[in-house]
PDB file of N, CA and C in Angstrom:
ATOM      1  N   MET A   1     -12.553  10.225   0.299  1.00  0.00           N
ATOM      2  CA  MET A   1     -11.809   8.990   0.466  1.00  0.00           C
ATOM      3  C   MET A   1     -12.220   8.372   1.791  1.00  0.00           C
ATOM      4  N   ASN A   2     -12.519   7.087   1.759  1.00  0.00           N
ATOM      5  CA  ASN A   2     -12.894   6.429   3.008  1.00  0.00           C
ATOM      6  C   ASN A   2     -11.658   5.838   3.684  1.00  0.00           C
ATOM      7  N   LEU A   3     -11.842   5.340   4.878  1.00  0.00           N
ATOM      8  CA  LEU A   3     -10.722   4.849   5.679  1.00  0.00           C
ATOM      9  C   LEU A   3     -10.077   3.612   5.072  1.00  0.00           C
ATOM     10  N   LYS A   4     -10.847   2.769   4.395  1.00  0.00           N
ATOM     11  CA  LYS A   4     -10.296   1.573   3.770  1.00  0.00           C
ATOM     12  C   LYS A   4      -9.337   1.938   2.633  1.00  0.00           C
ATOM     13  N   GLU A   5      -9.729   2.918   1.801  1.00  0.00           N
ATOM     14  CA  GLU A   5      -8.849   3.366   0.716  1.00  0.00           C
ATOM     15  C   GLU A   5      -7.574   3.975   1.275  1.00  0.00           C
ATOM     16  N   LEU A   6      -7.720   4.759   2.345  1.00  0.00           N
ATOM     17  CA  LEU A   6      -6.553   5.364   2.987  1.00  0.00           C
ATOM     18  C   LEU A   6      -5.626   4.281   3.523  1.00  0.00           C
ATOM     19  N   GLU A   7      -6.204   3.275   4.163  1.00  0.00           N
ATOM     20  CA  GLU A   7      -5.402   2.185   4.716  1.00  0.00           C
ATOM     21  C   GLU A   7      -4.631   1.465   3.617  1.00  0.00           C
ATOM     22  N   ASP A   8      -5.261   1.215   2.475  1.00  0.00           N
ATOM     23  CA  ASP A   8      -4.586   0.557   1.358  1.00  0.00           C
ATOM     24  C   ASP A   8      -3.426   1.409   0.844  1.00  0.00           C
ATOM     25  N   GLN A   9      -3.647   2.709   0.723  1.00  0.00           N
ATOM     26  CA  GLN A   9      -2.586   3.602   0.253  1.00  0.00           C
ATOM     27  C   GLN A   9      -1.430   3.645   1.245  1.00  0.00           C
ATOM     28  N   VAL A  10      -1.762   3.696   2.526  1.00  0.00           N
ATOM     29  CA  VAL A  10      -0.727   3.756   3.559  1.00  0.00           C
ATOM     30  C   VAL A  10       0.085   2.463   3.564  1.00  0.00           C
ATOM     31  N   ARG A  11      -0.574   1.327   3.428  1.00  0.00           N
ATOM     32  CA  ARG A  11       0.148   0.053   3.384  1.00  0.00           C
ATOM     33  C   ARG A  11       1.095  -0.007   2.187  1.00  0.00           C
ATOM     34  N   ALA A  12       0.658   0.504   1.044  1.00  0.00           N
ATOM     35  CA  ALA A  12       1.512   0.521  -0.148  1.00  0.00           C
ATOM     36  C   ALA A  12       2.733   1.418   0.076  1.00  0.00           C
ATOM     37  N   LEU A  13       2.528   2.571   0.687  1.00  0.00           N
ATOM     38  CA  LEU A  13       3.645   3.470   0.963  1.00  0.00           C
ATOM     39  C   LEU A  13       4.624   2.852   1.955  1.00  0.00           C
ATOM     40  N   ILE A  14       4.099   2.182   2.966  1.00  0.00           N
ATOM     41  CA  ILE A  14       4.964   1.525   3.952  1.00  0.00           C
ATOM     42  C   ILE A  14       5.786   0.430   3.286  1.00  0.00           C
ATOM     43  N   ALA A  15       5.156  -0.345   2.419  1.00  0.00           N
ATOM     44  CA  ALA A  15       5.863  -1.431   1.727  1.00  0.00           C
ATOM     45  C   ALA A  15       6.977  -0.886   0.841  1.00  0.00           C
ATOM     46  N   GLN A  16       6.815   0.344   0.359  1.00  0.00           N
ATOM     47  CA  GLN A  16       7.836   0.972  -0.476  1.00  0.00           C
ATOM     48  C   GLN A  16       8.904   1.668   0.362  1.00  0.00           C
ATOM     49  N   GLY A  17       8.754   1.643   1.682  1.00  0.00           N
ATOM     50  CA  GLY A  17       9.708   2.289   2.563  1.00  0.00           C
ATOM     51  C   GLY A  17       9.502   3.793   2.664  1.00  0.00           C
ATOM     52  N   ARG A  18       8.313   4.271   2.374  1.00  0.00           N
ATOM     53  CA  ARG A  18       8.006   5.703   2.376  1.00  0.00           C
ATOM     54  C   ARG A  18       7.075   6.027   3.542  1.00  0.00           C
ATOM     55  N   LYS A  19       7.573   5.801   4.752  1.00  0.00           N
ATOM     56  CA  LYS A  19       6.760   5.955   5.953  1.00  0.00           C
ATOM     57  C   LYS A  19       6.393   7.414   6.222  1.00  0.00           C
ATOM     58  N   VAL A  20       7.301   8.340   5.933  1.00  0.00           N
ATOM     59  CA  VAL A  20       7.030   9.763   6.167  1.00  0.00           C
ATOM     60  C   VAL A  20       5.880  10.228   5.272  1.00  0.00           C
ATOM     61  N   GLU A  21       5.890   9.810   3.998  1.00  0.00           N
ATOM     62  CA  GLU A  21       4.804  10.175   3.099  1.00  0.00           C
ATOM     63  C   GLU A  21       3.487   9.570   3.561  1.00  0.00           C
ATOM     64  N   ALA A  22       3.555   8.370   4.156  1.00  0.00           N
ATOM     65  CA  ALA A  22       2.346   7.730   4.671  1.00  0.00           C
ATOM     66  C   ALA A  22       1.744   8.559   5.809  1.00  0.00           C
ATOM     67  N   VAL A  23       2.593   9.051   6.705  1.00  0.00           N
ATOM     68  CA  VAL A  23       2.115   9.880   7.812  1.00  0.00           C
ATOM     69  C   VAL A  23       1.508  11.177   7.270  1.00  0.00           C
ATOM     70  N   LYS A  24       2.167  11.773   6.277  1.00  0.00           N
ATOM     71  CA  LYS A  24       1.633  13.002   5.678  1.00  0.00           C
ATOM     72  C   LYS A  24       0.270  12.751   5.040  1.00  0.00           C
ATOM     73  N   ARG A  25       0.134  11.627   4.340  1.00  0.00           N
ATOM     74  CA  ARG A  25      -1.138  11.311   3.676  1.00  0.00           C
ATOM     75  C   ARG A  25      -2.247  11.153   4.706  1.00  0.00           C
ATOM     76  N   VAL A  26      -1.943  10.494   5.827  1.00  0.00           N
ATOM     77  CA  VAL A  26      -2.946  10.312   6.884  1.00  0.00           C
ATOM     78  C   VAL A  26      -3.351  11.663   7.469  1.00  0.00           C
ATOM     79  N   ARG A  27      -2.369  12.524   7.715  1.00  0.00           N
ATOM     80  CA  ARG A  27      -2.672  13.842   8.287  1.00  0.00           C
ATOM     81  C   ARG A  27      -3.538  14.671   7.361  1.00  0.00           C
ATOM     82  N   GLU A  28      -3.205  14.676   6.058  1.00  0.00           N
ATOM     83  CA  GLU A  28      -3.968  15.475   5.097  1.00  0.00           C
ATOM     84  C   GLU A  28      -5.396  14.955   4.941  1.00  0.00           C
ATOM     85  N   THR A  29      -5.537  13.636   4.932  1.00  0.00           N
ATOM     86  CA  THR A  29      -6.844  13.042   4.670  1.00  0.00           C
ATOM     87  C   THR A  29      -7.771  13.119   5.868  1.00  0.00           C
ATOM     88  N   THR A  30      -7.236  12.853   7.055  1.00  0.00           N
ATOM     89  CA  THR A  30      -8.082  12.754   8.241  1.00  0.00           C
ATOM     90  C   THR A  30      -8.137  14.032   9.071  1.00  0.00           C
ATOM     91  N   GLY A  31      -7.099  14.860   8.977  1.00  0.00           N
ATOM     92  CA  GLY A  31      -7.038  16.049   9.821  1.00  0.00           C
ATOM     93  C   GLY A  31      -6.531  15.755  11.222  1.00  0.00           C
ATOM     94  N   TRP A  32      -6.014  14.555  11.431  1.00  0.00           N
ATOM     95  CA  TRP A  32      -5.466  14.185  12.734  1.00  0.00           C
ATOM     96  C   TRP A  32      -4.152  14.913  12.969  1.00  0.00           C
ATOM     97  N   GLY A  33      -3.738  14.917  14.219  1.00  0.00           N
ATOM     98  CA  GLY A  33      -2.451  15.497  14.573  1.00  0.00           C
ATOM     99  C   GLY A  33      -1.307  14.559  14.216  1.00  0.00           C
ATOM    100  N   LEU A  34      -0.100  15.048  14.404  1.00  0.00           N
ATOM    101  CA  LEU A  34       1.089  14.276  14.035  1.00  0.00           C
ATOM    102  C   LEU A  34       1.211  12.985  14.836  1.00  0.00           C
ATOM    103  N   LYS A  35       1.025  13.056  16.145  1.00  0.00           N
ATOM    104  CA  LYS A  35       1.180  11.858  16.982  1.00  0.00           C
ATOM    105  C   LYS A  35       0.146  10.795  16.630  1.00  0.00           C
ATOM    106  N   GLN A  36      -1.094  11.203  16.485  1.00  0.00           N
ATOM    107  CA  GLN A  36      -2.146  10.242  16.174  1.00  0.00           C
ATOM    108  C   GLN A  36      -1.914   9.615  14.794  1.00  0.00           C
ATOM    109  N   SER A  37      -1.480  10.410  13.821  1.00  0.00           N
ATOM    110  CA  SER A  37      -1.204   9.891  12.483  1.00  0.00           C
ATOM    111  C   SER A  37      -0.029   8.923  12.502  1.00  0.00           C
ATOM    112  N   LYS A  38       1.016   9.285  13.248  1.00  0.00           N
ATOM    113  CA  LYS A  38       2.196   8.416  13.342  1.00  0.00           C
ATOM    114  C   LYS A  38       1.839   7.102  14.027  1.00  0.00           C
ATOM    115  N   ASP A  39       1.037   7.158  15.074  1.00  0.00           N
ATOM    116  CA  ASP A  39       0.616   5.933  15.759  1.00  0.00           C
ATOM    117  C   ASP A  39      -0.195   5.036  14.824  1.00  0.00           C
ATOM    118  N   TYR A  40      -1.040   5.632  14.003  1.00  0.00           N
ATOM    119  CA  TYR A  40      -1.845   4.867  13.039  1.00  0.00           C
ATOM    120  C   TYR A  40      -0.939   4.167  12.027  1.00  0.00           C
ATOM    121  N   VAL A  41       0.038   4.902  11.497  1.00  0.00           N
ATOM    122  CA  VAL A  41       0.959   4.326  10.514  1.00  0.00           C
ATOM    123  C   VAL A  41       1.819   3.244  11.166  1.00  0.00           C
ATOM    124  N   ASP A  42       2.269   3.472  12.385  1.00  0.00           N
ATOM    125  CA  ASP A  42       3.069   2.463  13.090  1.00  0.00           C
ATOM    126  C   ASP A  42       2.265   1.187  13.317  1.00  0.00           C
ATOM    127  N   ALA A  43       0.986   1.327  13.653  1.00  0.00           N
ATOM    128  CA  ALA A  43       0.139   0.151  13.869  1.00  0.00           C
ATOM    129  C   ALA A  43      -0.021  -0.631  12.569  1.00  0.00           C
ATOM    130  N   LEU A  44      -0.158   0.061  11.454  1.00  0.00           N
ATOM    131  CA  LEU A  44      -0.277  -0.625  10.169  1.00  0.00           C
ATOM    132  C   LEU A  44       1.044  -1.230   9.730  1.00  0.00           C
ATOM    133  N   SER A  45       2.163  -0.595  10.064  1.00  0.00           N
ATOM    134  CA  SER A  45       3.459  -1.094   9.621  1.00  0.00           C
ATOM    135  C   SER A  45       3.833  -2.394  10.325  1.00  0.00           C
ATOM    136  N   GLU A  46       3.282  -2.624  11.510  1.00  0.00           N
ATOM    137  CA  GLU A  46       3.560  -3.877  12.212  1.00  0.00           C
ATOM    138  C   GLU A  46       2.910  -5.052  11.495  1.00  0.00           C
ATOM    139  N   VAL A  47       1.809  -4.783  10.800  1.00  0.00           N
ATOM    140  CA  VAL A  47       1.060  -5.831  10.126  1.00  0.00           C
ATOM    141  C   VAL A  47       1.631  -6.129   8.739  1.00  0.00           C
ATOM    142  N   VAL A  48       2.241  -5.133   8.106  1.00  0.00           N
ATOM    143  CA  VAL A  48       2.756  -5.295   6.745  1.00  0.00           C
ATOM    144  C   VAL A  48       3.928  -6.266   6.749  1.00  0.00           C
ATOM    145  N   GLN A  49       3.874  -7.224   5.835  1.00  0.00           N
ATOM    146  CA  GLN A  49       4.956  -8.189   5.712  1.00  0.00           C
ATOM    147  C   GLN A  49       5.914  -7.725   4.628  1.00  0.00           C
ATOM    148  N   GLU A  50       7.081  -8.293   4.645  1.00  0.00           N
ATOM    149  CA  GLU A  50       8.074  -7.991   3.620  1.00  0.00           C
ATOM    150  C   GLU A  50       7.581  -8.495   2.273  1.00  0.00           C
ATOM    151  N   VAL A  51       7.747  -7.691   1.251  1.00  0.00           N
ATOM    152  CA  VAL A  51       7.303  -8.051  -0.087  1.00  0.00           C
ATOM    153  C   VAL A  51       8.470  -8.709  -0.817  1.00  0.00           C
ATOM    154  N   GLY A  52       8.237  -9.901  -1.355  1.00  0.00           N
ATOM    155  CA  GLY A  52       9.253 -10.572  -2.156  1.00  0.00           C
ATOM    156  C   GLY A  52       9.300  -9.975  -3.552  1.00  0.00           C
ATOM    157  N   ARG A  53      10.422 -10.096  -4.234  1.00  0.00           N
ATOM    158  CA  ARG A  53      10.545  -9.451  -5.540  1.00  0.00           C
ATOM    159  C   ARG A  53       9.628 -10.046  -6.591  1.00  0.00           C
ATOM    160  N   ASN A  54       9.172 -11.289  -6.427  1.00  0.00           N
ATOM    161  CA  ASN A  54       8.258 -11.897  -7.390  1.00  0.00           C
ATOM    162  C   ASN A  54       6.795 -11.834  -6.957  1.00  0.00           C
ATOM    163  N   ASP A  55       6.531 -11.188  -5.828  1.00  0.00           N
ATOM    164  CA  ASP A  55       5.159 -11.018  -5.349  1.00  0.00           C
ATOM    165  C   ASP A  55       4.488  -9.871  -6.102  1.00  0.00           C
ATOM    166  N   PRO A  56       3.154  -9.856  -6.125  1.00  0.00           N
ATOM    167  CA  PRO A  56       2.462  -8.708  -6.737  1.00  0.00           C
ATOM    168  C   PRO A  56       2.790  -7.433  -5.968  1.00  0.00           C
ATOM    169  N   CYS A  57       2.900  -6.342  -6.677  1.00  0.00           N
ATOM    170  CA  CYS A  57       3.259  -5.068  -6.057  1.00  0.00           C
ATOM    171  C   CYS A  57       2.133  -4.596  -5.137  1.00  0.00           C
ATOM    172  N   PRO A  58       2.461  -4.122  -3.933  1.00  0.00           N
ATOM    173  CA  PRO A  58       1.435  -3.669  -2.998  1.00  0.00           C
ATOM    174  C   PRO A  58       0.758  -2.365  -3.427  1.00  0.00           C
ATOM    175  N   CYS A  59       1.262  -1.694  -4.454  1.00  0.00           N
ATOM    176  CA  CYS A  59       0.634  -0.446  -4.881  1.00  0.00           C
ATOM    177  C   CYS A  59      -0.641  -0.702  -5.672  1.00  0.00           C
ATOM    178  N   GLY A  60      -0.876  -1.976  -6.067  1.00  0.00           N
ATOM    179  CA  GLY A  60      -2.109  -2.324  -6.754  1.00  0.00           C
ATOM    180  C   GLY A  60      -2.034  -2.237  -8.265  1.00  0.00           C
ATOM    181  N   SER A  61      -0.835  -2.121  -8.820  1.00  0.00           N
ATOM    182  CA  SER A  61      -0.695  -1.992 -10.273  1.00  0.00           C
ATOM    183  C   SER A  61      -0.950  -3.305 -11.006  1.00  0.00           C
ATOM    184  N   GLY A  62      -0.819  -4.436 -10.305  1.00  0.00           N
ATOM    185  CA  GLY A  62      -0.990  -5.739 -10.938  1.00  0.00           C
ATOM    186  C   GLY A  62       0.302  -6.304 -11.479  1.00  0.00           C
ATOM    187  N   ARG A  63       1.366  -5.535 -11.396  1.00  0.00           N
ATOM    188  CA  ARG A  63       2.667  -5.995 -11.880  1.00  0.00           C
ATOM    189  C   ARG A  63       3.445  -6.628 -10.736  1.00  0.00           C
ATOM    190  N   LYS A  64       4.496  -7.377 -11.079  1.00  0.00           N
ATOM    191  CA  LYS A  64       5.364  -7.914 -10.047  1.00  0.00           C
ATOM    192  C   LYS A  64       6.123  -6.760  -9.388  1.00  0.00           C
ATOM    193  N   TYR A  65       6.451  -6.950  -8.123  1.00  0.00           N
ATOM    194  CA  TYR A  65       7.139  -5.913  -7.360  1.00  0.00           C
ATOM    195  C   TYR A  65       8.459  -5.527  -8.023  1.00  0.00           C
ATOM    196  N   LYS A  66       9.177  -6.516  -8.571  1.00  0.00           N
ATOM    197  CA  LYS A  66      10.489  -6.237  -9.158  1.00  0.00           C
ATOM    198  C   LYS A  66      10.394  -5.380 -10.426  1.00  0.00           C
ATOM    199  N   HIS A  67       9.229  -5.364 -11.073  1.00  0.00           N
ATOM    200  CA  HIS A  67       9.045  -4.560 -12.278  1.00  0.00           C
ATOM    201  C   HIS A  67       8.302  -3.259 -12.003  1.00  0.00           C
ATOM    202  N   CYS A  68       7.943  -3.023 -10.764  1.00  0.00           N
ATOM    203  CA  CYS A  68       7.150  -1.830 -10.439  1.00  0.00           C
ATOM    204  C   CYS A  68       7.898  -0.994  -9.399  1.00  0.00           C
ATOM    205  N   CYS A  69       7.449  -1.015  -8.170  1.00  0.00           N
ATOM    206  CA  CYS A  69       8.016  -0.163  -7.110  1.00  0.00           C
ATOM    207  C   CYS A  69       9.366  -0.665  -6.606  1.00  0.00           C
ATOM    208  N   GLY A  70       9.689  -1.928  -6.840  1.00  0.00           N
ATOM    209  CA  GLY A  70      10.962  -2.471  -6.372  1.00  0.00           C
ATOM    210  C   GLY A  70      12.098  -2.274  -7.357  1.00  0.00           C
ATOM    211  N   ARG A  71      11.787  -1.634  -8.470  1.00  0.00           N
ATOM    212  CA  ARG A  71      12.785  -1.430  -9.504  1.00  0.00           C
ATOM    213  C   ARG A  71      13.810  -0.401  -9.075  1.00  0.00           C
ATOM    214  N   LYS A  72      15.067  -0.711  -9.268  1.00  0.00           N
ATOM    215  CA  LYS A  72      16.140   0.234  -8.931  1.00  0.00           C
ATOM    216  C   LYS A  72      16.256   1.247 -10.039  1.00  0.00           C
ATOM    217  N   ARG A  73      16.267   2.492  -9.657  1.00  0.00           N
ATOM    218  CA  ARG A  73      16.295   3.571 -10.661  1.00  0.00           C
ATOM    219  C   ARG A  73      17.635   4.197 -10.747  1.00  0.00           C
TER     220      ARG A  73
END
């Protein structure tokens, strides 16, 4: 997995409110320590904007957010 794919996955996890899983994914993929991984995720989370319910889902499914990751279960 290259860094661009990792960044896309991390952004999708952040948009879903799953920041801890994003840090874990960065640590597993890169082998970085906890602080460096957390700093990377924090830097990406500052750039991520709020997803509207009618916007395309950030996970890349092609569906609207309200019908995909934003769905209440």
